[in-house]
Amino acid sequence: MLDDQEFRLKSDETLSSLHNALVEVSDQYGFETDYGGALTVEFEDPPAKFVVSPNAPVRQIWVSALMKSYKLDWDPGREAFVLPETGQTLAEVVAGAVSRQVGETVTLGS
């Protein structure tokens, strides 16, 4: 398990990378994204807001999207935050949620 400092470093790197990947496709799919401790993705039509945030006490990244919550753990073998139930990485979870929201397949480069 990651210690607090390692978790903060890994989660910051991961969220920053995810934010950059979202920025690259945001104009194409009509949403806005912001990152400042937590990452947000906001859609106008239909209106929705996704939040991706680190949860340091439990060393997880939590995603709230499409009226659902996802809790991802660090997988040292994959060097990624992964959803235990499906094996999806954080980028795959968020890309799937964005895809469902916009009605098109969205691929994120991170």
N, C-alpha and C. Protein backbone atom coordinates (compact mmCIF):
# COMPACT_ATOMS: atom_id res chain seq x y z
N MET A 1 0.84 -1.19 0.00
CA MET A 1 0.00 0.00 0.00
C MET A 1 0.88 1.25 0.00
N LEU A 2 0.44 2.27 -0.71
CA LEU A 2 1.17 3.52 -0.77
C LEU A 2 1.12 4.24 0.56
N ASP A 3 2.23 4.90 0.92
CA ASP A 3 2.16 5.77 2.10
C ASP A 3 1.53 7.10 1.65
N ASP A 4 1.27 7.99 2.59
CA ASP A 4 0.55 9.22 2.30
C ASP A 4 1.25 10.06 1.23
N GLN A 5 2.56 10.22 1.36
CA GLN A 5 3.31 11.03 0.40
C GLN A 5 3.29 10.39 -1.00
N GLU A 6 3.48 9.08 -1.07
CA GLU A 6 3.43 8.39 -2.36
C GLU A 6 2.04 8.51 -2.99
N PHE A 7 1.00 8.36 -2.17
CA PHE A 7 -0.36 8.49 -2.69
C PHE A 7 -0.58 9.88 -3.27
N ARG A 8 -0.17 10.89 -2.55
CA ARG A 8 -0.38 12.26 -3.04
C ARG A 8 0.36 12.48 -4.36
N LEU A 9 1.58 11.99 -4.46
CA LEU A 9 2.36 12.14 -5.68
C LEU A 9 1.70 11.39 -6.84
N LYS A 10 1.35 10.13 -6.64
CA LYS A 10 0.73 9.31 -7.69
C LYS A 10 -0.63 9.88 -8.10
N SER A 11 -1.43 10.28 -7.13
CA SER A 11 -2.76 10.80 -7.47
C SER A 11 -2.64 12.14 -8.20
N ASP A 12 -1.73 13.01 -7.78
CA ASP A 12 -1.53 14.29 -8.47
C ASP A 12 -1.08 14.06 -9.91
N GLU A 13 -0.11 13.17 -10.11
CA GLU A 13 0.37 12.87 -11.46
C GLU A 13 -0.75 12.30 -12.32
N THR A 14 -1.51 11.38 -11.75
CA THR A 14 -2.60 10.72 -12.49
C THR A 14 -3.69 11.71 -12.87
N LEU A 15 -4.12 12.54 -11.91
CA LEU A 15 -5.19 13.50 -12.19
C LEU A 15 -4.73 14.57 -13.16
N SER A 16 -3.49 15.00 -13.07
CA SER A 16 -2.95 15.99 -14.01
C SER A 16 -2.92 15.42 -15.43
N SER A 17 -2.47 14.19 -15.56
CA SER A 17 -2.41 13.53 -16.86
C SER A 17 -3.82 13.35 -17.43
N LEU A 18 -4.75 12.92 -16.58
CA LEU A 18 -6.14 12.75 -17.02
C LEU A 18 -6.73 14.09 -17.46
N HIS A 19 -6.46 15.13 -16.70
CA HIS A 19 -6.97 16.46 -17.06
C HIS A 19 -6.44 16.87 -18.44
N ASN A 20 -5.14 16.68 -18.66
CA ASN A 20 -4.56 17.03 -19.96
C ASN A 20 -5.22 16.26 -21.10
N ALA A 21 -5.49 14.96 -20.88
CA ALA A 21 -6.15 14.15 -21.90
C ALA A 21 -7.58 14.64 -22.15
N LEU A 22 -8.27 15.04 -21.10
CA LEU A 22 -9.63 15.56 -21.25
C LEU A 22 -9.64 16.90 -21.98
N VAL A 23 -8.68 17.76 -21.68
CA VAL A 23 -8.58 19.06 -22.36
C VAL A 23 -8.44 18.85 -23.86
N GLU A 24 -7.64 17.86 -24.26
CA GLU A 24 -7.40 17.59 -25.68
C GLU A 24 -8.68 17.26 -26.45
N VAL A 25 -9.65 16.63 -25.81
CA VAL A 25 -10.88 16.23 -26.52
C VAL A 25 -12.11 17.05 -26.11
N SER A 26 -11.95 17.99 -25.19
CA SER A 26 -13.11 18.70 -24.64
C SER A 26 -13.87 19.50 -25.69
N ASP A 27 -13.18 20.19 -26.58
CA ASP A 27 -13.87 20.97 -27.62
C ASP A 27 -14.62 20.06 -28.58
N GLN A 28 -14.00 18.95 -28.94
CA GLN A 28 -14.61 18.02 -29.88
C GLN A 28 -15.93 17.45 -29.35
N TYR A 29 -16.00 17.21 -28.03
CA TYR A 29 -17.18 16.58 -27.46
C TYR A 29 -18.05 17.53 -26.63
N GLY A 30 -17.69 18.80 -26.59
CA GLY A 30 -18.54 19.81 -25.98
C GLY A 30 -18.66 19.76 -24.47
N PHE A 31 -17.53 19.66 -23.77
CA PHE A 31 -17.56 19.74 -22.32
C PHE A 31 -16.39 20.59 -21.84
N GLU A 32 -16.45 20.97 -20.59
CA GLU A 32 -15.37 21.73 -19.97
C GLU A 32 -14.79 20.93 -18.84
N THR A 33 -13.49 21.09 -18.61
CA THR A 33 -12.83 20.39 -17.52
C THR A 33 -11.95 21.35 -16.75
N ASP A 34 -11.82 21.10 -15.47
CA ASP A 34 -11.01 21.95 -14.61
C ASP A 34 -10.31 21.05 -13.59
N TYR A 35 -9.11 21.44 -13.20
CA TYR A 35 -8.37 20.66 -12.21
C TYR A 35 -7.74 21.59 -11.19
N GLY A 36 -8.10 21.37 -9.94
CA GLY A 36 -7.53 22.13 -8.83
C GLY A 36 -7.74 21.35 -7.55
N GLY A 37 -6.99 20.29 -7.37
CA GLY A 37 -7.18 19.41 -6.23
C GLY A 37 -8.12 18.26 -6.58
N ALA A 38 -9.27 18.61 -7.14
CA ALA A 38 -10.20 17.64 -7.71
C ALA A 38 -10.38 18.01 -9.18
N LEU A 39 -10.69 17.03 -9.98
CA LEU A 39 -10.89 17.26 -11.40
C LEU A 39 -12.40 17.24 -11.67
N THR A 40 -12.89 18.22 -12.42
CA THR A 40 -14.30 18.25 -12.77
C THR A 40 -14.46 18.22 -14.28
N VAL A 41 -15.55 17.62 -14.72
CA VAL A 41 -15.93 17.60 -16.13
C VAL A 41 -17.39 18.03 -16.16
N GLU A 42 -17.68 19.13 -16.89
CA GLU A 42 -19.04 19.65 -16.92
C GLU A 42 -19.59 19.68 -18.33
N PHE A 43 -20.83 19.23 -18.46
CA PHE A 43 -21.53 19.15 -19.73
C PHE A 43 -22.73 20.08 -19.68
N GLU A 44 -23.01 20.75 -20.81
CA GLU A 44 -24.17 21.64 -20.88
C GLU A 44 -25.43 20.91 -21.33
N ASP A 45 -25.31 20.04 -22.34
CA ASP A 45 -26.51 19.44 -22.92
C ASP A 45 -26.30 17.97 -23.21
N PRO A 46 -26.91 17.07 -22.45
CA PRO A 46 -27.68 17.37 -21.24
C PRO A 46 -26.75 17.75 -20.09
N PRO A 47 -27.23 18.57 -19.17
CA PRO A 47 -26.37 19.03 -18.08
C PRO A 47 -25.93 17.89 -17.16
N ALA A 48 -24.66 17.91 -16.83
CA ALA A 48 -24.09 16.91 -15.91
C ALA A 48 -22.75 17.41 -15.43
N LYS A 49 -22.34 16.91 -14.28
CA LYS A 49 -21.03 17.23 -13.74
C LYS A 49 -20.43 15.96 -13.16
N PHE A 50 -19.22 15.63 -13.59
CA PHE A 50 -18.46 14.51 -13.06
C PHE A 50 -17.36 15.07 -12.17
N VAL A 51 -17.06 14.38 -11.08
CA VAL A 51 -15.99 14.80 -10.17
C VAL A 51 -15.05 13.61 -9.94
N VAL A 52 -13.76 13.88 -10.08
CA VAL A 52 -12.73 12.87 -9.84
C VAL A 52 -11.82 13.45 -8.76
N SER A 53 -11.76 12.77 -7.62
CA SER A 53 -11.01 13.35 -6.50
C SER A 53 -10.21 12.29 -5.73
N PRO A 54 -9.06 12.71 -5.22
CA PRO A 54 -8.29 11.79 -4.37
C PRO A 54 -8.92 11.70 -2.99
N ASN A 55 -8.88 10.52 -2.40
CA ASN A 55 -9.35 10.33 -1.04
C ASN A 55 -8.17 9.76 -0.25
N ALA A 56 -7.37 10.67 0.31
CA ALA A 56 -6.12 10.28 0.96
C ALA A 56 -6.28 9.30 2.13
N PRO A 57 -7.28 9.46 3.00
CA PRO A 57 -7.36 8.53 4.13
C PRO A 57 -7.46 7.06 3.73
N VAL A 58 -8.11 6.77 2.59
CA VAL A 58 -8.24 5.38 2.15
C VAL A 58 -7.35 5.06 0.95
N ARG A 59 -6.55 6.05 0.51
CA ARG A 59 -5.60 5.88 -0.61
C ARG A 59 -6.30 5.43 -1.89
N GLN A 60 -7.42 6.08 -2.21
CA GLN A 60 -8.17 5.77 -3.42
C GLN A 60 -8.45 7.06 -4.19
N ILE A 61 -8.76 6.89 -5.47
CA ILE A 61 -9.32 7.98 -6.26
C ILE A 61 -10.79 7.63 -6.46
N TRP A 62 -11.64 8.60 -6.17
CA TRP A 62 -13.08 8.40 -6.29
C TRP A 62 -13.60 9.18 -7.48
N VAL A 63 -14.50 8.54 -8.22
CA VAL A 63 -15.13 9.17 -9.38
C VAL A 63 -16.64 9.17 -9.13
N SER A 64 -17.24 10.32 -9.30
CA SER A 64 -18.69 10.45 -9.24
C SER A 64 -19.14 10.87 -10.63
N ALA A 65 -19.88 9.97 -11.31
CA ALA A 65 -20.32 10.25 -12.67
C ALA A 65 -21.57 9.42 -12.98
N LEU A 66 -22.49 10.01 -13.70
CA LEU A 66 -23.70 9.32 -14.14
C LEU A 66 -24.46 8.69 -12.97
N MET A 67 -24.56 9.44 -11.88
CA MET A 67 -25.28 9.00 -10.69
C MET A 67 -24.69 7.73 -10.10
N LYS A 68 -23.39 7.54 -10.27
CA LYS A 68 -22.71 6.36 -9.76
C LYS A 68 -21.38 6.78 -9.16
N SER A 69 -20.88 5.96 -8.25
CA SER A 69 -19.59 6.23 -7.61
C SER A 69 -18.64 5.08 -7.91
N TYR A 70 -17.41 5.43 -8.24
CA TYR A 70 -16.37 4.44 -8.51
C TYR A 70 -15.20 4.71 -7.57
N LYS A 71 -14.63 3.66 -6.99
CA LYS A 71 -13.51 3.80 -6.06
C LYS A 71 -12.34 2.97 -6.60
N LEU A 72 -11.28 3.68 -6.99
CA LEU A 72 -10.15 3.03 -7.64
C LEU A 72 -8.95 2.95 -6.70
N ASP A 73 -8.28 1.80 -6.73
CA ASP A 73 -7.10 1.54 -5.91
C ASP A 73 -5.85 1.57 -6.78
N TRP A 74 -4.72 1.89 -6.15
CA TRP A 74 -3.44 1.85 -6.85
C TRP A 74 -3.03 0.41 -7.10
N ASP A 75 -2.68 0.11 -8.34
CA ASP A 75 -2.18 -1.21 -8.73
C ASP A 75 -0.70 -1.05 -9.07
N PRO A 76 0.20 -1.48 -8.17
CA PRO A 76 1.63 -1.27 -8.42
C PRO A 76 2.14 -2.00 -9.66
N GLY A 77 1.55 -3.14 -9.99
CA GLY A 77 1.97 -3.88 -11.17
C GLY A 77 1.66 -3.16 -12.47
N ARG A 78 0.56 -2.43 -12.47
CA ARG A 78 0.15 -1.69 -13.67
C ARG A 78 0.54 -0.22 -13.60
N GLU A 79 1.03 0.21 -12.44
CA GLU A 79 1.38 1.62 -12.24
C GLU A 79 0.20 2.51 -12.60
N ALA A 80 -0.98 2.16 -12.06
CA ALA A 80 -2.19 2.91 -12.38
C ALA A 80 -3.23 2.72 -11.28
N PHE A 81 -4.14 3.69 -11.18
CA PHE A 81 -5.31 3.51 -10.33
C PHE A 81 -6.31 2.69 -11.13
N VAL A 82 -6.83 1.62 -10.51
CA VAL A 82 -7.64 0.63 -11.21
C VAL A 82 -8.92 0.36 -10.42
N LEU A 83 -10.02 0.18 -11.15
CA LEU A 83 -11.29 -0.19 -10.55
C LEU A 83 -11.25 -1.70 -10.30
N PRO A 84 -11.26 -2.14 -9.03
CA PRO A 84 -11.09 -3.56 -8.73
C PRO A 84 -12.11 -4.48 -9.40
N GLU A 85 -13.35 -4.01 -9.51
CA GLU A 85 -14.41 -4.86 -10.07
C GLU A 85 -14.21 -5.20 -11.54
N THR A 86 -13.61 -4.28 -12.30
CA THR A 86 -13.52 -4.47 -13.76
C THR A 86 -12.08 -4.51 -14.28
N GLY A 87 -11.13 -4.03 -13.48
CA GLY A 87 -9.75 -3.94 -13.96
C GLY A 87 -9.50 -2.72 -14.83
N GLN A 88 -10.50 -1.85 -14.99
CA GLN A 88 -10.32 -0.65 -15.80
C GLN A 88 -9.45 0.37 -15.08
N THR A 89 -8.63 1.08 -15.86
CA THR A 89 -7.84 2.18 -15.30
C THR A 89 -8.75 3.40 -15.12
N LEU A 90 -8.24 4.38 -14.40
CA LEU A 90 -9.00 5.62 -14.19
C LEU A 90 -9.37 6.25 -15.53
N ALA A 91 -8.41 6.33 -16.46
CA ALA A 91 -8.70 6.94 -17.77
C ALA A 91 -9.81 6.17 -18.49
N GLU A 92 -9.80 4.84 -18.38
CA GLU A 92 -10.84 4.04 -19.03
C GLU A 92 -12.21 4.25 -18.39
N VAL A 93 -12.24 4.36 -17.06
CA VAL A 93 -13.51 4.61 -16.36
C VAL A 93 -14.08 5.96 -16.78
N VAL A 94 -13.24 6.98 -16.77
CA VAL A 94 -13.70 8.33 -17.12
C VAL A 94 -14.08 8.40 -18.60
N ALA A 95 -13.29 7.79 -19.47
CA ALA A 95 -13.62 7.78 -20.90
C ALA A 95 -14.97 7.09 -21.14
N GLY A 96 -15.23 6.01 -20.42
CA GLY A 96 -16.51 5.31 -20.55
C GLY A 96 -17.67 6.18 -20.10
N ALA A 97 -17.50 6.89 -19.00
CA ALA A 97 -18.56 7.77 -18.49
C ALA A 97 -18.80 8.93 -19.45
N VAL A 98 -17.72 9.53 -19.95
CA VAL A 98 -17.86 10.64 -20.91
C VAL A 98 -18.54 10.12 -22.18
N SER A 99 -18.15 8.95 -22.63
CA SER A 99 -18.75 8.36 -23.84
C SER A 99 -20.26 8.19 -23.67
N ARG A 100 -20.68 7.66 -22.52
CA ARG A 100 -22.12 7.48 -22.27
C ARG A 100 -22.83 8.84 -22.23
N GLN A 101 -22.18 9.84 -21.66
CA GLN A 101 -22.80 11.16 -21.55
C GLN A 101 -22.98 11.82 -22.92
N VAL A 102 -21.97 11.71 -23.79
CA VAL A 102 -22.03 12.40 -25.09
C VAL A 102 -22.61 11.52 -26.20
N GLY A 103 -22.77 10.22 -25.95
CA GLY A 103 -23.35 9.34 -26.94
C GLY A 103 -22.40 8.95 -28.06
N GLU A 104 -21.11 9.10 -27.83
CA GLU A 104 -20.09 8.72 -28.82
C GLU A 104 -18.93 8.09 -28.05
N THR A 105 -18.14 7.27 -28.75
CA THR A 105 -16.98 6.67 -28.12
C THR A 105 -15.87 7.71 -27.98
N VAL A 106 -15.43 7.92 -26.76
CA VAL A 106 -14.36 8.87 -26.46
C VAL A 106 -13.17 8.07 -25.95
N THR A 107 -12.01 8.32 -26.53
CA THR A 107 -10.78 7.68 -26.10
C THR A 107 -9.86 8.74 -25.51
N LEU A 108 -9.31 8.45 -24.34
CA LEU A 108 -8.39 9.38 -23.70
C LEU A 108 -6.97 8.83 -23.80
N GLY A 109 -6.02 9.69 -24.08
CA GLY A 109 -4.65 9.26 -24.29
C GLY A 109 -3.87 8.91 -23.06
N SER A 110 -4.46 9.06 -21.85
CA SER A 110 -3.67 8.78 -20.65
C SER A 110 -3.93 7.40 -20.12
